[in-house]
């Protein structure tokens, strides 16, 4: 466990996260965190962020295409 000090930051107060924590959590400058107070604990979580289409495609190494799917023979009144 590590400790941080609360410091003044303009009209607010803030803490600083070490590079090690940023790396472990996969955080970068300007990322958003959700904060929750539970009894005497402050819980910070990475906020959910929708991925862009390009980011999703990178997960498949750009090896997926809508053209690769075989929908089978027409069974109704589909338009071709």
PDB file of N, CA and C in Angstrom:
ATOM      1  N   UNK A   1       0.848  -1.173   0.000  1.00  0.00           N
ATOM      2  CA  UNK A   1       0.000   0.000   0.000  1.00  0.00           C
ATOM      3  C   UNK A   1       0.894   1.237   0.000  1.00  0.00           C
ATOM      4  N   UNK A   2       0.472   2.247  -0.738  1.00  0.00           N
ATOM      5  CA  UNK A   2       1.226   3.495  -0.750  1.00  0.00           C
ATOM      6  C   UNK A   2       0.335   4.609  -0.220  1.00  0.00           C
ATOM      7  N   UNK A   3       0.940   5.719   0.110  1.00  0.00           N
ATOM      8  CA  UNK A   3       0.202   6.849   0.636  1.00  0.00           C
ATOM      9  C   UNK A   3       0.394   8.056  -0.273  1.00  0.00           C
ATOM     10  N   UNK A   4      -0.629   8.919  -0.287  1.00  0.00           N
ATOM     11  CA  UNK A   4      -0.543  10.174  -1.027  1.00  0.00           C
ATOM     12  C   UNK A   4      -1.008  11.288  -0.103  1.00  0.00           C
ATOM     13  N   UNK A   5      -0.557  12.502  -0.387  1.00  0.00           N
ATOM     14  CA  UNK A   5      -0.959  13.659   0.412  1.00  0.00           C
ATOM     15  C   UNK A   5      -2.026  14.448  -0.341  1.00  0.00           C
ATOM     16  N   UNK A   6      -2.952  15.016   0.375  1.00  0.00           N
ATOM     17  CA  UNK A   6      -3.960  15.893  -0.217  1.00  0.00           C
ATOM     18  C   UNK A   6      -3.353  17.291  -0.301  1.00  0.00           C
ATOM     19  N   UNK A   7      -3.399  17.877  -1.486  1.00  0.00           N
ATOM     20  CA  UNK A   7      -2.799  19.194  -1.734  1.00  0.00           C
ATOM     21  C   UNK A   7      -3.845  20.142  -2.299  1.00  0.00           C
ATOM     22  N   UNK A   8      -3.612  21.430  -2.101  1.00  0.00           N
ATOM     23  CA  UNK A   8      -4.476  22.435  -2.714  1.00  0.00           C
ATOM     24  C   UNK A   8      -4.237  22.467  -4.218  1.00  0.00           C
ATOM     25  N   UNK A   9      -5.337  22.649  -4.951  1.00  0.00           N
ATOM     26  CA  UNK A   9      -5.255  22.737  -6.407  1.00  0.00           C
ATOM     27  C   UNK A   9      -6.309  23.754  -6.816  1.00  0.00           C
ATOM     28  N   UNK A  10      -5.898  25.018  -6.891  1.00  0.00           N
ATOM     29  CA  UNK A  10      -6.849  26.094  -7.132  1.00  0.00           C
ATOM     30  C   UNK A  10      -7.777  26.202  -5.945  1.00  0.00           C
ATOM     31  N   UNK A  11      -9.094  26.218  -6.198  1.00  0.00           N
ATOM     32  CA  UNK A  11     -10.079  26.271  -5.115  1.00  0.00           C
ATOM     33  C   UNK A  11     -10.471  24.883  -4.629  1.00  0.00           C
ATOM     34  N   UNK A  12      -9.826  23.858  -5.132  1.00  0.00           N
ATOM     35  CA  UNK A  12     -10.141  22.483  -4.760  1.00  0.00           C
ATOM     36  C   UNK A  12      -8.938  21.836  -4.098  1.00  0.00           C
ATOM     37  N   UNK A  13      -9.095  20.567  -3.777  1.00  0.00           N
ATOM     38  CA  UNK A  13      -7.988  19.770  -3.259  1.00  0.00           C
ATOM     39  C   UNK A  13      -7.824  18.575  -4.181  1.00  0.00           C
ATOM     40  N   UNK A  14      -6.625  18.032  -4.211  1.00  0.00           N
ATOM     41  CA  UNK A  14      -6.394  16.903  -5.098  1.00  0.00           C
ATOM     42  C   UNK A  14      -5.280  16.007  -4.590  1.00  0.00           C
ATOM     43  N   UNK A  15      -5.190  14.842  -5.205  1.00  0.00           N
ATOM     44  CA  UNK A  15      -4.094  13.915  -4.939  1.00  0.00           C
ATOM     45  C   UNK A  15      -3.420  13.628  -6.272  1.00  0.00           C
ATOM     46  N   UNK A  16      -2.200  13.167  -6.221  1.00  0.00           N
ATOM     47  CA  UNK A  16      -1.471  12.792  -7.433  1.00  0.00           C
ATOM     48  C   UNK A  16      -1.288  11.286  -7.451  1.00  0.00           C
ATOM     49  N   UNK A  17      -1.453  10.707  -8.635  1.00  0.00           N
ATOM     50  CA  UNK A  17      -1.235   9.272  -8.800  1.00  0.00           C
ATOM     51  C   UNK A  17       0.149   9.062  -9.402  1.00  0.00           C
ATOM     52  N   UNK A  18       0.861   8.096  -8.874  1.00  0.00           N
ATOM     53  CA  UNK A  18       2.204   7.817  -9.385  1.00  0.00           C
ATOM     54  C   UNK A  18       2.124   7.205 -10.780  1.00  0.00           C
ATOM     55  N   UNK A  19       3.209   7.292 -11.514  1.00  0.00           N
ATOM     56  CA  UNK A  19       3.282   6.697 -12.844  1.00  0.00           C
ATOM     57  C   UNK A  19       3.035   5.196 -12.757  1.00  0.00           C
ATOM     58  N   UNK A  20       3.543   4.572 -11.699  1.00  0.00           N
ATOM     59  CA  UNK A  20       3.356   3.131 -11.516  1.00  0.00           C
ATOM     60  C   UNK A  20       1.864   2.779 -11.441  1.00  0.00           C
ATOM     61  N   UNK A  21       1.105   3.538 -10.654  1.00  0.00           N
ATOM     62  CA  UNK A  21      -0.335   3.282 -10.548  1.00  0.00           C
ATOM     63  C   UNK A  21      -1.019   3.546 -11.887  1.00  0.00           C
ATOM     64  N   UNK A  22      -0.636   4.632 -12.553  1.00  0.00           N
ATOM     65  CA  UNK A  22      -1.217   4.947 -13.861  1.00  0.00           C
ATOM     66  C   UNK A  22      -0.976   3.795 -14.834  1.00  0.00           C
ATOM     67  N   UNK A  23       0.238   3.255 -14.829  1.00  0.00           N
ATOM     68  CA  UNK A  23       0.579   2.145 -15.727  1.00  0.00           C
ATOM     69  C   UNK A  23      -0.194   0.875 -15.375  1.00  0.00           C
ATOM     70  N   UNK A  24      -0.263   0.553 -14.095  1.00  0.00           N
ATOM     71  CA  UNK A  24      -0.972  -0.649 -13.658  1.00  0.00           C
ATOM     72  C   UNK A  24      -2.441  -0.583 -14.073  1.00  0.00           C
ATOM     73  N   UNK A  25      -3.055   0.587 -13.922  1.00  0.00           N
ATOM     74  CA  UNK A  25      -4.473   0.758 -14.237  1.00  0.00           C
ATOM     75  C   UNK A  25      -4.727   1.064 -15.709  1.00  0.00           C
ATOM     76  N   UNK A  26      -3.668   1.288 -16.463  1.00  0.00           N
ATOM     77  CA  UNK A  26      -3.847   1.621 -17.873  1.00  0.00           C
ATOM     78  C   UNK A  26      -4.467   2.995 -18.058  1.00  0.00           C
ATOM     79  N   UNK A  27      -4.132   3.925 -17.179  1.00  0.00           N
ATOM     80  CA  UNK A  27      -4.686   5.280 -17.237  1.00  0.00           C
ATOM     81  C   UNK A  27      -3.754   6.215 -17.972  1.00  0.00           C
ATOM     82  N   UNK A  28      -4.344   7.254 -18.545  1.00  0.00           N
ATOM     83  CA  UNK A  28      -3.553   8.306 -19.177  1.00  0.00           C
ATOM     84  C   UNK A  28      -4.153   9.652 -18.801  1.00  0.00           C
ATOM     85  N   UNK A  29      -3.416  10.713 -19.038  1.00  0.00           N
ATOM     86  CA  UNK A  29      -3.884  12.059 -18.725  1.00  0.00           C
ATOM     87  C   UNK A  29      -5.245  12.290 -19.389  1.00  0.00           C
ATOM     88  N   UNK A  30      -6.161  12.904 -18.689  1.00  0.00           N
ATOM     89  CA  UNK A  30      -7.515  13.255 -19.140  1.00  0.00           C
ATOM     90  C   UNK A  30      -8.492  12.086 -19.117  1.00  0.00           C
ATOM     91  N   UNK A  31      -8.072  10.885 -18.688  1.00  0.00           N
ATOM     92  CA  UNK A  31      -9.037   9.801 -18.501  1.00  0.00           C
ATOM     93  C   UNK A  31     -10.002  10.198 -17.387  1.00  0.00           C
ATOM     94  N   UNK A  32     -11.163   9.600 -17.400  1.00  0.00           N
ATOM     95  CA  UNK A  32     -12.188   9.892 -16.399  1.00  0.00           C
ATOM     96  C   UNK A  32     -12.296   8.727 -15.424  1.00  0.00           C
ATOM     97  N   UNK A  33     -12.438   9.065 -14.150  1.00  0.00           N
ATOM     98  CA  UNK A  33     -12.613   8.065 -13.104  1.00  0.00           C
ATOM     99  C   UNK A  33     -13.970   8.266 -12.438  1.00  0.00           C
ATOM    100  N   UNK A  34     -14.610   7.168 -12.075  1.00  0.00           N
ATOM    101  CA  UNK A  34     -15.800   7.215 -11.235  1.00  0.00           C
ATOM    102  C   UNK A  34     -15.324   7.168  -9.792  1.00  0.00           C
ATOM    103  N   UNK A  35     -15.958   7.948  -8.916  1.00  0.00           N
ATOM    104  CA  UNK A  35     -15.570   7.973  -7.507  1.00  0.00           C
ATOM    105  C   UNK A  35     -16.779   7.596  -6.654  1.00  0.00           C
ATOM    106  N   UNK A  36     -16.526   6.777  -5.647  1.00  0.00           N
ATOM    107  CA  UNK A  36     -17.579   6.331  -4.740  1.00  0.00           C
ATOM    108  C   UNK A  36     -17.040   6.425  -3.312  1.00  0.00           C
ATOM    109  N   UNK A  37     -17.859   6.902  -2.416  1.00  0.00           N
ATOM    110  CA  UNK A  37     -17.502   6.945  -0.997  1.00  0.00           C
ATOM    111  C   UNK A  37     -18.314   5.870  -0.295  1.00  0.00           C
ATOM    112  N   UNK A  38     -17.625   4.965   0.378  1.00  0.00           N
ATOM    113  CA  UNK A  38     -18.256   3.848   1.063  1.00  0.00           C
ATOM    114  C   UNK A  38     -17.677   3.779   2.471  1.00  0.00           C
ATOM    115  N   UNK A  39     -18.483   4.134   3.456  1.00  0.00           N
ATOM    116  CA  UNK A  39     -18.056   4.230   4.857  1.00  0.00           C
ATOM    117  C   UNK A  39     -16.838   5.142   4.930  1.00  0.00           C
ATOM    118  N   UNK A  40     -15.660   4.624   5.267  1.00  0.00           N
ATOM    119  CA  UNK A  40     -14.471   5.477   5.374  1.00  0.00           C
ATOM    120  C   UNK A  40     -13.508   5.231   4.208  1.00  0.00           C
ATOM    121  N   UNK A  41     -14.016   4.757   3.080  1.00  0.00           N
ATOM    122  CA  UNK A  41     -13.181   4.467   1.915  1.00  0.00           C
ATOM    123  C   UNK A  41     -13.582   5.349   0.741  1.00  0.00           C
ATOM    124  N   UNK A  42     -12.589   5.721  -0.057  1.00  0.00           N
ATOM    125  CA  UNK A  42     -12.817   6.393  -1.336  1.00  0.00           C
ATOM    126  C   UNK A  42     -12.409   5.398  -2.407  1.00  0.00           C
ATOM    127  N   UNK A  43     -13.338   5.064  -3.294  1.00  0.00           N
ATOM    128  CA  UNK A  43     -13.082   4.063  -4.331  1.00  0.00           C
ATOM    129  C   UNK A  43     -13.064   4.763  -5.684  1.00  0.00           C
ATOM    130  N   UNK A  44     -11.967   4.611  -6.411  1.00  0.00           N
ATOM    131  CA  UNK A  44     -11.834   5.168  -7.756  1.00  0.00           C
ATOM    132  C   UNK A  44     -11.854   4.026  -8.754  1.00  0.00           C
ATOM    133  N   UNK A  45     -12.660   4.171  -9.813  1.00  0.00           N
ATOM    134  CA  UNK A  45     -12.716   3.165 -10.880  1.00  0.00           C
ATOM    135  C   UNK A  45     -12.610   3.864 -12.218  1.00  0.00           C
ATOM    136  N   UNK A  46     -12.003   3.172 -13.177  1.00  0.00           N
ATOM    137  CA  UNK A  46     -11.994   3.708 -14.533  1.00  0.00           C
ATOM    138  C   UNK A  46     -13.435   3.798 -15.017  1.00  0.00           C
ATOM    139  N   UNK A  47     -13.801   4.933 -15.574  1.00  0.00           N
ATOM    140  CA  UNK A  47     -15.154   5.112 -16.090  1.00  0.00           C
ATOM    141  C   UNK A  47     -15.313   4.308 -17.374  1.00  0.00           C
ATOM    142  N   UNK A  48     -16.536   3.778 -17.582  1.00  0.00           N
ATOM    143  CA  UNK A  48     -16.808   3.028 -18.804  1.00  0.00           C
ATOM    144  C   UNK A  48     -16.744   3.967 -19.998  1.00  0.00           C
ATOM    145  N   UNK A  49     -16.091   3.520 -21.042  1.00  0.00           N
ATOM    146  CA  UNK A  49     -15.971   4.308 -22.260  1.00  0.00           C
ATOM    147  C   UNK A  49     -16.241   3.393 -23.438  1.00  0.00           C
ATOM    148  N   UNK A  50     -17.170   3.810 -24.287  1.00  0.00           N
ATOM    149  CA  UNK A  50     -17.446   3.026 -25.484  1.00  0.00           C
ATOM    150  C   UNK A  50     -16.241   3.076 -26.415  1.00  0.00           C
ATOM    151  N   UNK A  51     -15.920   1.946 -27.019  1.00  0.00           N
ATOM    152  CA  UNK A  51     -14.818   1.895 -27.982  1.00  0.00           C
ATOM    153  C   UNK A  51     -15.320   2.340 -29.344  1.00  0.00           C
ATOM    154  N   UNK A  52     -14.424   2.952 -30.101  1.00  0.00           N
ATOM    155  CA  UNK A  52     -14.761   3.323 -31.465  1.00  0.00           C
ATOM    156  C   UNK A  52     -14.743   2.068 -32.331  1.00  0.00           C
ATOM    157  N   UNK A  53     -15.327   2.156 -33.500  1.00  0.00           N
ATOM    158  CA  UNK A  53     -15.311   1.039 -34.435  1.00  0.00           C
ATOM    159  C   UNK A  53     -13.871   0.627 -34.745  1.00  0.00           C
ATOM    160  N   UNK A  54     -13.008   1.617 -34.939  1.00  0.00           N
ATOM    161  CA  UNK A  54     -11.606   1.323 -35.257  1.00  0.00           C
ATOM    162  C   UNK A  54     -10.929   0.568 -34.115  1.00  0.00           C
ATOM    163  N   UNK A  55     -11.201   0.973 -32.854  1.00  0.00           N
ATOM    164  CA  UNK A  55     -10.611   0.278 -31.712  1.00  0.00           C
ATOM    165  C   UNK A  55     -11.103  -1.161 -31.633  1.00  0.00           C
ATOM    166  N   UNK A  56     -12.383  -1.376 -31.929  1.00  0.00           N
ATOM    167  CA  UNK A  56     -12.913  -2.737 -31.919  1.00  0.00           C
ATOM    168  C   UNK A  56     -12.282  -3.581 -33.025  1.00  0.00           C
ATOM    169  N   UNK A  57     -12.092  -3.006 -34.192  1.00  0.00           N
ATOM    170  CA  UNK A  57     -11.474  -3.744 -35.300  1.00  0.00           C
ATOM    171  C   UNK A  57     -10.038  -4.145 -34.961  1.00  0.00           C
ATOM    172  N   UNK A  58      -9.313  -3.280 -34.252  1.00  0.00           N
ATOM    173  CA  UNK A  58      -7.945  -3.618 -33.871  1.00  0.00           C
ATOM    174  C   UNK A  58      -7.899  -4.855 -32.985  1.00  0.00           C
ATOM    175  N   UNK A  59      -8.943  -5.090 -32.185  1.00  0.00           N
ATOM    176  CA  UNK A  59      -8.986  -6.287 -31.339  1.00  0.00           C
ATOM    177  C   UNK A  59      -9.035  -7.556 -32.185  1.00  0.00           C
ATOM    178  N   UNK A  60      -9.529  -7.447 -33.401  1.00  0.00           N
ATOM    179  CA  UNK A  60      -9.604  -8.594 -34.316  1.00  0.00           C
ATOM    180  C   UNK A  60      -8.479  -8.548 -35.345  1.00  0.00           C
ATOM    181  N   UNK A  61      -7.505  -7.685 -35.114  1.00  0.00           N
ATOM    182  CA  UNK A  61      -6.353  -7.541 -36.005  1.00  0.00           C
ATOM    183  C   UNK A  61      -6.808  -7.263 -37.439  1.00  0.00           C
ATOM    184  N   UNK A  62      -7.925  -6.517 -37.569  1.00  0.00           N
ATOM    185  CA  UNK A  62      -8.487  -6.137 -38.873  1.00  0.00           C
ATOM    186  C   UNK A  62      -8.770  -7.348 -39.763  1.00  0.00           C
ATOM    187  N   UNK A  63      -9.055  -8.521 -39.175  1.00  0.00           N
ATOM    188  CA  UNK A  63      -9.290  -9.743 -39.951  1.00  0.00           C
ATOM    189  C   UNK A  63     -10.755 -10.165 -39.908  1.00  0.00           C
ATOM    190  N   UNK A  64     -11.654  -9.215 -39.827  1.00  0.00           N
ATOM    191  CA  UNK A  64     -13.072  -9.538 -39.819  1.00  0.00           C
ATOM    192  C   UNK A  64     -13.773  -8.572 -40.770  1.00  0.00           C
ATOM    193  N   UNK A  65     -14.751  -9.083 -41.447  1.00  0.00           N
ATOM    194  CA  UNK A  65     -15.481  -8.259 -42.402  1.00  0.00           C
ATOM    195  C   UNK A  65     -16.920  -8.754 -42.457  1.00  0.00           C
ATOM    196  N   UNK A  66     -17.844  -7.846 -42.675  1.00  0.00           N
ATOM    197  CA  UNK A  66     -19.242  -8.236 -42.818  1.00  0.00           C
ATOM    198  C   UNK A  66     -19.422  -9.092 -44.065  1.00  0.00           C
ATOM    199  N   UNK A  67     -18.535  -8.968 -45.024  1.00  0.00           N
ATOM    200  CA  UNK A  67     -18.623  -9.749 -46.261  1.00  0.00           C
ATOM    201  C   UNK A  67     -18.219 -11.201 -46.039  1.00  0.00           C
ATOM    202  N   UNK A  68     -17.545 -11.507 -44.938  1.00  0.00           N
ATOM    203  CA  UNK A  68     -17.074 -12.867 -44.678  1.00  0.00           C
ATOM    204  C   UNK A  68     -18.170 -13.771 -44.125  1.00  0.00           C
ATOM    205  N   UNK A  69     -19.339 -13.240 -43.833  1.00  0.00           N
ATOM    206  CA  UNK A  69     -20.394 -14.022 -43.194  1.00  0.00           C
ATOM    207  C   UNK A  69     -21.349 -14.569 -44.242  1.00  0.00           C
ATOM    208  N   UNK A  70     -21.629 -15.861 -44.165  1.00  0.00           N
ATOM    209  CA  UNK A  70     -22.570 -16.500 -45.085  1.00  0.00           C
ATOM    210  C   UNK A  70     -23.937 -16.545 -44.415  1.00  0.00           C
ATOM    211  N   UNK A  71     -24.879 -15.792 -44.964  1.00  0.00           N
ATOM    212  CA  UNK A  71     -26.221 -15.726 -44.400  1.00  0.00           C
ATOM    213  C   UNK A  71     -27.097 -16.877 -44.877  1.00  0.00           C
ATOM    214  N   UNK A  72     -26.608 -17.721 -45.775  1.00  0.00           N
ATOM    215  CA  UNK A  72     -27.395 -18.842 -46.290  1.00  0.00           C
ATOM    216  C   UNK A  72     -28.278 -18.404 -47.448  1.00  0.00           C
ATOM    217  N   UNK A  73     -29.064 -19.351 -47.915  1.00  0.00           N
ATOM    218  CA  UNK A  73     -29.963 -19.074 -49.042  1.00  0.00           C
ATOM    219  C   UNK A  73     -31.156 -18.238 -48.565  1.00  0.00           C
ATOM    220  N   UNK A  74     -31.727 -17.409 -49.467  1.00  0.00           N
ATOM    221  CA  UNK A  74     -32.915 -16.635 -49.085  1.00  0.00           C
ATOM    222  C   UNK A  74     -34.054 -17.576 -48.694  1.00  0.00           C
ATOM    223  N   UNK A  75     -34.805 -17.214 -47.647  1.00  0.00           N
ATOM    224  CA  UNK A  75     -35.897 -18.044 -47.182  1.00  0.00           C
ATOM    225  C   UNK A  75     -37.233 -17.286 -47.179  1.00  0.00           C
ATOM    226  N   UNK A  76     -37.211 -16.053 -47.559  1.00  0.00           N
ATOM    227  CA  UNK A  76     -38.444 -15.245 -47.538  1.00  0.00           C
ATOM    228  C   UNK A  76     -38.424 -14.256 -48.665  1.00  0.00           C
ATOM    229  N   UNK A  77     -38.803 -13.015 -48.360  1.00  0.00           N
ATOM    230  CA  UNK A  77     -38.875 -11.985 -49.386  1.00  0.00           C
ATOM    231  C   UNK A  77     -37.731 -10.994 -49.246  1.00  0.00           C
ATOM    232  N   UNK A  78     -36.510 -11.509 -48.993  1.00  0.00           N
ATOM    233  CA  UNK A  78     -35.362 -10.627 -48.845  1.00  0.00           C
ATOM    234  C   UNK A  78     -35.090  -9.916 -50.164  1.00  0.00           C
ATOM    235  N   UNK A  79     -34.589  -8.689 -50.053  1.00  0.00           N
ATOM    236  CA  UNK A  79     -34.202  -7.936 -51.245  1.00  0.00           C
ATOM    237  C   UNK A  79     -32.720  -8.158 -51.461  1.00  0.00           C
ATOM    238  N   UNK A  80     -32.352  -8.430 -52.681  1.00  0.00           N
ATOM    239  CA  UNK A  80     -30.932  -8.645 -52.997  1.00  0.00           C
ATOM    240  C   UNK A  80     -30.401  -7.489 -53.778  1.00  0.00           C
TER     241      UNK A  80
END
